[in-house]
Amino acid sequence: MPSWRTTLTTAGISGTRLREDYTHAARRVLRREPAPYLALRLLAAPPLVPYLAAGLAFMNLVDDVAETGTPQQRAAGLAALTERVGTALKSGDSPDPVVRAYTHAVDSRGLPGHWVTQFLAGAATAEAGFDGFADEAGFQAYLDAYAWPGVLVFTGLQYQGGPDPEQAAGWRRFVDAAQRVDFLADLHGDLADGRLCIPLARLDEHSVTRADLERARDTPAVRALLAAESRRARAALDATHGILDLAEPGLRPVIATMADLMAHQLTAVERAGAGALRRDVGYGLAAPLRILLRAAASRKASRRPTSTRR
């Protein structure tokens, strides 16, 4: 793995201030999401790494503002952030190093600005004002408004000029699976925060109440509901097959690792059953390290020149 300084140089990022901005963004990602950061550093092609790190830092920044404080504080924070980002996209400058790095990445990689504005708009509506889903249509609307543009403000930077319609559609399938797994894995914490992320119509289908979930009742109906949600997540994960063909070669090892981690976490949710209502289902430590090291070894082997006998 090349040093961070070498990685910045390989990506063509020059100038002390700009390099410091990207370094600040990368450190923010490392503190908040060490596993994705390590996957980028170990597995992605170095010319892509700084741009993707800036994209992930920006995505996390928006998420944090959308999820912190009272509804009024969230709305005010997102309005201010949207104004700062809009100004930065036009001027190329900002007082925030994360925003500076990200807007430079957007300009350098040619990511269409509508993904950024759609993500910020979704943060202010679908996420900051989140009050659950009535049915599957509500969940899909949430993906369209927030989660899909959210993943593309990050992964869209892999494509020079942004994703084409087929690539964007592939990431729509990917985020459908990722969001379902995430909601199941975080059931306990979300319920503790007053967020119910399973559509109410599906609770009704199984004669389960919100109180049943909040009190972590281990009943046949609750188990059936969670098993059905896990099957939906598994089907969505199966539907992401082919995403590697739509990714840039330099990012494929990272995407494969992300998919493996999702599958691992979903398996853990399935095993937990109603236990997922008593504690969040994390990745653990051993499995992510094993998956990451296996991917790193595979990448290293694929880059090793093959010898021919004479």
Protein backbone atom coordinates (compact mmCIF):
# COMPACT_ATOMS: atom_id res chain seq x y z
CA MET A 1 0.00 0.00 0.00
CA PRO A 2 1.55 3.34 -1.01
CA SER A 3 1.88 6.12 1.57
CA TRP A 4 -0.87 8.71 1.77
CA ARG A 5 1.44 11.36 0.30
CA THR A 6 2.22 9.11 -2.65
CA THR A 7 -1.48 8.34 -3.07
CA LEU A 8 -2.31 12.04 -3.27
CA THR A 9 0.43 12.57 -5.84
CA THR A 10 -0.74 9.58 -7.89
CA ALA A 11 -4.24 11.08 -7.94
CA GLY A 12 -2.82 14.34 -9.26
CA ILE A 13 -3.69 16.34 -6.15
CA SER A 14 -1.17 19.12 -5.67
CA GLY A 15 -0.88 22.26 -3.58
CA THR A 16 -0.36 22.27 0.18
CA ARG A 17 -3.85 23.46 1.11
CA LEU A 18 -5.67 21.04 -1.17
CA ARG A 19 -3.58 18.08 -0.01
CA GLU A 20 -4.31 19.07 3.59
CA ASP A 21 -8.03 19.24 2.77
CA TYR A 22 -8.04 15.70 1.40
CA THR A 23 -5.99 14.53 4.38
CA HIS A 24 -8.52 16.11 6.76
CA ALA A 25 -11.38 14.38 4.93
CA ALA A 26 -9.60 11.01 5.02
CA ARG A 27 -8.93 11.32 8.75
CA ARG A 28 -12.58 12.08 9.35
CA VAL A 29 -13.54 8.88 7.58
CA LEU A 30 -10.94 6.89 9.50
CA ARG A 31 -12.34 8.11 12.83
CA ARG A 32 -15.97 7.50 11.92
CA GLU A 33 -15.80 4.43 9.67
CA PRO A 34 -12.44 2.68 9.95
CA ALA A 35 -13.53 -0.45 8.03
CA PRO A 36 -14.56 1.37 4.80
CA TYR A 37 -11.46 3.55 5.07
CA LEU A 38 -9.16 0.55 5.34
CA ALA A 39 -10.96 -1.13 2.46
CA LEU A 40 -10.33 1.93 0.29
CA ARG A 41 -6.69 2.24 1.26
CA LEU A 42 -5.90 -1.45 0.88
CA LEU A 43 -8.01 -2.40 -2.11
CA ALA A 44 -8.87 0.58 -4.32
CA ALA A 45 -6.61 1.84 -7.09
CA PRO A 46 -4.54 4.70 -5.58
CA PRO A 47 -5.65 7.32 -8.16
CA LEU A 48 -9.24 6.86 -6.95
CA VAL A 49 -8.63 6.74 -3.21
CA PRO A 50 -8.49 10.46 -2.28
CA TYR A 51 -11.60 11.29 -4.32
CA LEU A 52 -13.59 8.43 -2.81
CA ALA A 53 -12.38 9.28 0.71
CA ALA A 54 -13.57 12.85 0.19
CA GLY A 55 -16.91 11.53 -1.09
CA LEU A 56 -17.36 9.29 1.93
CA ALA A 57 -16.41 12.14 4.28
CA PHE A 58 -19.01 14.37 2.64
CA MET A 59 -21.70 11.69 2.80
CA ASN A 60 -20.95 11.20 6.51
CA LEU A 61 -21.01 14.95 7.13
CA VAL A 62 -24.49 15.26 5.65
CA ASP A 63 -25.69 12.19 7.56
CA ASP A 64 -24.39 13.61 10.84
CA VAL A 65 -26.12 16.96 10.36
CA ALA A 66 -29.38 15.24 9.32
CA GLU A 67 -29.38 13.03 12.43
CA THR A 68 -28.22 15.44 15.16
CA GLY A 69 -30.38 17.62 17.37
CA THR A 70 -34.04 18.58 17.34
CA PRO A 71 -36.00 18.68 14.08
CA GLN A 72 -35.54 22.44 14.03
CA GLN A 73 -31.78 22.14 14.58
CA ARG A 74 -31.52 19.53 11.83
CA ALA A 75 -33.45 21.71 9.41
CA ALA A 76 -31.34 24.77 10.20
CA GLY A 77 -28.10 22.82 10.01
CA LEU A 78 -28.97 21.29 6.65
CA ALA A 79 -30.12 24.61 5.22
CA ALA A 80 -26.80 26.18 6.20
CA LEU A 81 -24.83 23.22 4.86
CA THR A 82 -26.75 23.25 1.56
CA GLU A 83 -25.97 26.94 1.13
CA ARG A 84 -22.26 26.36 1.88
CA VAL A 85 -22.05 23.46 -0.55
CA GLY A 86 -23.86 25.38 -3.29
CA THR A 87 -21.46 28.30 -2.89
CA ALA A 88 -18.47 25.96 -2.90
CA LEU A 89 -19.62 24.18 -6.05
CA LYS A 90 -19.79 27.54 -7.82
CA SER A 91 -16.66 29.16 -6.38
CA GLY A 92 -14.47 26.17 -5.61
CA ASP A 93 -13.84 27.47 -2.10
CA SER A 94 -15.28 26.97 1.38
CA PRO A 95 -14.26 27.51 5.01
CA ASP A 96 -14.82 23.77 5.60
CA PRO A 97 -11.93 21.54 4.47
CA VAL A 98 -14.26 18.56 3.91
CA VAL A 99 -16.48 20.64 1.63
CA ARG A 100 -13.41 22.05 -0.15
CA ALA A 101 -12.02 18.57 -0.78
CA TYR A 102 -15.38 17.22 -1.88
CA THR A 103 -16.22 20.02 -4.29
CA HIS A 104 -12.74 19.66 -5.79
CA ALA A 105 -13.42 15.93 -6.23
CA VAL A 106 -16.79 16.64 -7.88
CA ASP A 107 -15.14 19.06 -10.30
CA SER A 108 -12.13 16.84 -11.02
CA ARG A 109 -14.18 13.71 -11.60
CA GLY A 110 -17.04 15.47 -13.40
CA LEU A 111 -19.79 14.15 -11.12
CA PRO A 112 -23.11 15.73 -12.20
CA GLY A 113 -24.23 18.22 -9.58
CA HIS A 114 -27.79 16.90 -9.49
CA TRP A 115 -26.66 13.95 -7.36
CA VAL A 116 -25.29 16.36 -4.76
CA THR A 117 -28.34 18.62 -4.70
CA GLN A 118 -30.72 15.64 -4.63
CA PHE A 119 -28.84 14.13 -1.68
CA LEU A 120 -28.95 17.38 0.28
CA ALA A 121 -32.66 17.83 -0.49
CA GLY A 122 -33.35 14.25 0.62
CA ALA A 123 -31.39 14.81 3.82
CA ALA A 124 -33.61 17.78 4.65
CA THR A 125 -36.85 15.90 3.96
CA ALA A 126 -36.68 12.09 3.91
CA GLU A 127 -33.98 11.78 6.58
CA ALA A 128 -34.26 14.81 8.88
CA GLY A 129 -38.05 14.45 8.95
CA PHE A 130 -38.06 10.65 9.07
CA ASP A 131 -41.18 9.21 10.73
CA GLY A 132 -41.16 5.66 9.42
CA PHE A 133 -42.70 3.93 6.42
CA ALA A 134 -46.34 3.13 5.91
CA ASP A 135 -45.57 0.47 3.32
CA GLU A 136 -43.01 -0.73 0.77
CA ALA A 137 -43.73 2.26 -1.47
CA GLY A 138 -42.66 4.55 1.37
CA PHE A 139 -39.40 2.68 1.74
CA GLN A 140 -38.73 2.90 -1.99
CA ALA A 141 -39.46 6.64 -1.95
CA TYR A 142 -36.90 7.02 0.87
CA LEU A 143 -34.30 5.23 -1.25
CA ASP A 144 -34.98 7.47 -4.23
CA ALA A 145 -34.90 10.68 -2.22
CA TYR A 146 -31.97 10.03 0.10
CA ALA A 147 -30.19 6.70 0.14
CA TRP A 148 -29.60 6.33 -3.61
CA PRO A 149 -28.18 9.83 -4.21
CA GLY A 150 -26.30 9.37 -0.92
CA VAL A 151 -24.39 6.38 -2.21
CA LEU A 152 -23.74 8.05 -5.58
CA VAL A 153 -22.22 11.23 -4.11
CA PHE A 154 -19.56 8.76 -2.94
CA THR A 155 -19.33 5.87 -5.39
CA GLY A 156 -20.23 8.06 -8.37
CA LEU A 157 -16.76 9.59 -8.14
CA GLN A 158 -15.23 6.39 -9.49
CA TYR A 159 -16.58 7.28 -12.94
CA GLN A 160 -15.01 10.12 -14.88
CA GLY A 161 -18.04 12.18 -15.88
CA GLY A 162 -20.34 10.38 -13.44
CA PRO A 163 -22.32 7.13 -13.76
CA ASP A 164 -24.29 6.32 -16.88
CA PRO A 165 -27.95 5.21 -16.48
CA GLU A 166 -27.06 1.51 -16.28
CA GLN A 167 -24.40 2.11 -13.63
CA ALA A 168 -26.71 4.37 -11.63
CA ALA A 169 -29.44 1.71 -11.75
CA GLY A 170 -26.97 -0.88 -10.51
CA TRP A 171 -26.19 1.28 -7.49
CA ARG A 172 -29.92 1.70 -6.90
CA ARG A 173 -30.17 -2.08 -6.48
CA PHE A 174 -27.08 -2.09 -4.27
CA VAL A 175 -28.43 0.56 -1.90
CA ASP A 176 -31.79 -1.24 -1.70
CA ALA A 177 -29.98 -4.27 -0.28
CA ALA A 178 -27.62 -2.23 1.90
CA GLN A 179 -30.45 -0.26 3.47
CA ARG A 180 -32.52 -3.36 4.24
CA VAL A 181 -29.56 -5.05 5.93
CA ASP A 182 -28.65 -1.88 7.82
CA PHE A 183 -32.19 -1.37 9.12
CA LEU A 184 -32.34 -4.97 10.38
CA ALA A 185 -28.90 -4.85 11.97
CA ASP A 186 -29.70 -1.56 13.74
CA LEU A 187 -33.22 -2.43 14.89
CA HIS A 188 -32.43 -2.14 18.59
CA GLY A 189 -30.66 1.21 18.35
CA ASP A 190 -33.17 2.68 15.95
CA LEU A 191 -36.11 1.72 18.15
CA ALA A 192 -34.32 3.21 21.16
CA ASP A 193 -34.03 6.45 19.17
CA GLY A 194 -37.73 6.37 18.27
CA ARG A 195 -37.18 5.18 14.68
CA LEU A 196 -39.15 2.22 13.34
CA CYS A 197 -37.66 1.25 9.98
CA ILE A 198 -39.91 -1.70 9.12
CA PRO A 199 -43.02 -0.64 7.14
CA LEU A 200 -46.15 -0.58 9.28
CA ALA A 201 -48.05 -2.61 6.69
CA ARG A 202 -45.73 -5.54 7.31
CA LEU A 203 -46.25 -5.36 11.06
CA ASP A 204 -49.98 -5.56 10.35
CA GLU A 205 -49.45 -8.57 8.06
CA HIS A 206 -47.94 -10.47 11.00
CA SER A 207 -50.19 -9.01 13.72
CA VAL A 208 -47.17 -7.43 15.41
CA THR A 209 -47.32 -4.07 17.17
CA ARG A 210 -44.64 -1.45 17.54
CA ALA A 211 -44.73 -2.10 21.29
CA ASP A 212 -43.90 -5.77 20.62
CA LEU A 213 -40.70 -4.67 18.91
CA GLU A 214 -39.82 -1.92 21.39
CA ARG A 215 -40.19 -4.38 24.27
CA ALA A 216 -38.21 -7.04 22.38
CA ARG A 217 -40.94 -9.65 22.72
CA ASP A 218 -39.78 -13.02 21.45
CA THR A 219 -43.06 -14.34 20.07
CA PRO A 220 -43.82 -16.54 17.03
CA ALA A 221 -45.34 -13.51 15.26
CA VAL A 222 -42.27 -11.33 15.90
CA ARG A 223 -39.94 -14.10 14.76
CA ALA A 224 -42.00 -14.59 11.61
CA LEU A 225 -41.89 -10.86 10.86
CA LEU A 226 -38.11 -10.67 11.27
CA ALA A 227 -37.60 -13.82 9.21
CA ALA A 228 -39.70 -12.38 6.40
CA GLU A 229 -37.74 -9.11 6.49
CA SER A 230 -34.49 -11.08 6.37
CA ARG A 231 -35.73 -12.98 3.31
CA ARG A 232 -36.51 -9.68 1.59
CA ALA A 233 -33.03 -8.42 2.41
CA ARG A 234 -31.49 -11.66 1.11
CA ALA A 235 -33.42 -11.37 -2.16
CA ALA A 236 -32.31 -7.74 -2.53
CA LEU A 237 -28.71 -8.77 -1.89
CA ASP A 238 -28.99 -11.49 -4.55
CA ALA A 239 -30.27 -8.83 -6.97
CA THR A 240 -26.98 -6.92 -6.64
CA HIS A 241 -25.11 -9.65 -8.52
CA GLY A 242 -23.48 -8.04 -11.52
CA ILE A 243 -22.61 -4.79 -9.73
CA LEU A 244 -18.90 -5.59 -10.14
CA ASP A 245 -19.28 -5.48 -13.91
CA LEU A 246 -20.66 -1.94 -13.58
CA ALA A 247 -17.87 -0.72 -11.30
CA GLU A 248 -14.55 0.69 -12.44
CA PRO A 249 -11.81 -1.97 -12.27
CA GLY A 250 -9.93 0.04 -9.65
CA LEU A 251 -12.86 -0.16 -7.23
CA ARG A 252 -14.08 -3.70 -7.81
CA PRO A 253 -12.16 -5.28 -4.89
CA VAL A 254 -13.75 -2.72 -2.54
CA ILE A 255 -17.25 -3.39 -3.84
CA ALA A 256 -16.76 -7.15 -3.56
CA THR A 257 -15.65 -6.68 0.05
CA MET A 258 -18.64 -4.47 0.83
CA ALA A 259 -20.97 -7.13 -0.57
CA ASP A 260 -19.24 -9.84 1.48
CA LEU A 261 -19.60 -7.75 4.65
CA MET A 262 -23.30 -7.18 3.96
CA ALA A 263 -23.85 -10.90 3.46
CA HIS A 264 -21.96 -11.65 6.68
CA GLN A 265 -24.01 -9.14 8.66
CA LEU A 266 -27.30 -10.41 7.23
CA THR A 267 -26.36 -13.96 8.23
CA ALA A 268 -25.71 -12.69 11.75
CA VAL A 269 -29.14 -11.02 11.78
CA GLU A 270 -30.80 -14.23 10.63
CA ARG A 271 -29.08 -16.17 13.40
CA ALA A 272 -30.01 -13.58 16.03
CA GLY A 273 -33.74 -13.75 15.30
CA ALA A 274 -35.61 -11.80 17.95
CA GLY A 275 -32.26 -11.16 19.64
CA ALA A 276 -31.78 -8.36 17.09
CA LEU A 277 -34.37 -6.43 19.12
CA ARG A 278 -32.18 -6.59 22.24
CA ARG A 279 -28.87 -5.50 20.71
CA ASP A 280 -27.62 -4.20 17.39
CA VAL A 281 -25.99 -6.79 15.17
CA GLY A 282 -22.51 -5.57 14.29
CA TYR A 283 -19.89 -6.97 12.00
CA GLY A 284 -17.76 -8.13 14.89
CA LEU A 285 -13.99 -7.89 14.56
CA ALA A 286 -12.73 -11.21 13.26
CA ALA A 287 -14.99 -11.52 10.20
CA PRO A 288 -14.29 -8.07 8.72
CA LEU A 289 -10.56 -8.56 9.21
CA ARG A 290 -10.73 -11.98 7.59
CA ILE A 291 -12.74 -10.66 4.63
CA LEU A 292 -10.46 -7.65 4.22
CA LEU A 293 -7.25 -9.64 4.43
CA ARG A 294 -8.57 -12.24 1.99
CA ALA A 295 -9.50 -9.50 -0.47
CA ALA A 296 -6.10 -7.83 -0.06
CA ALA A 297 -4.31 -11.12 -0.68
CA SER A 298 -6.46 -11.78 -3.75
CA ARG A 299 -5.73 -8.30 -5.13
CA LYS A 300 -2.02 -8.75 -4.55
CA ALA A 301 -2.04 -12.11 -6.28
CA SER A 302 -3.95 -10.73 -9.27
CA ARG A 303 -1.35 -8.00 -9.73
CA ARG A 304 1.61 -10.38 -9.51
CA PRO A 305 3.13 -10.95 -12.95
CA THR A 306 2.81 -14.51 -14.18
CA SER A 307 5.98 -16.30 -15.17
CA THR A 308 6.25 -18.45 -18.26
CA ARG A 309 8.60 -21.38 -18.67
CA ARG A 310 10.84 -21.56 -21.66
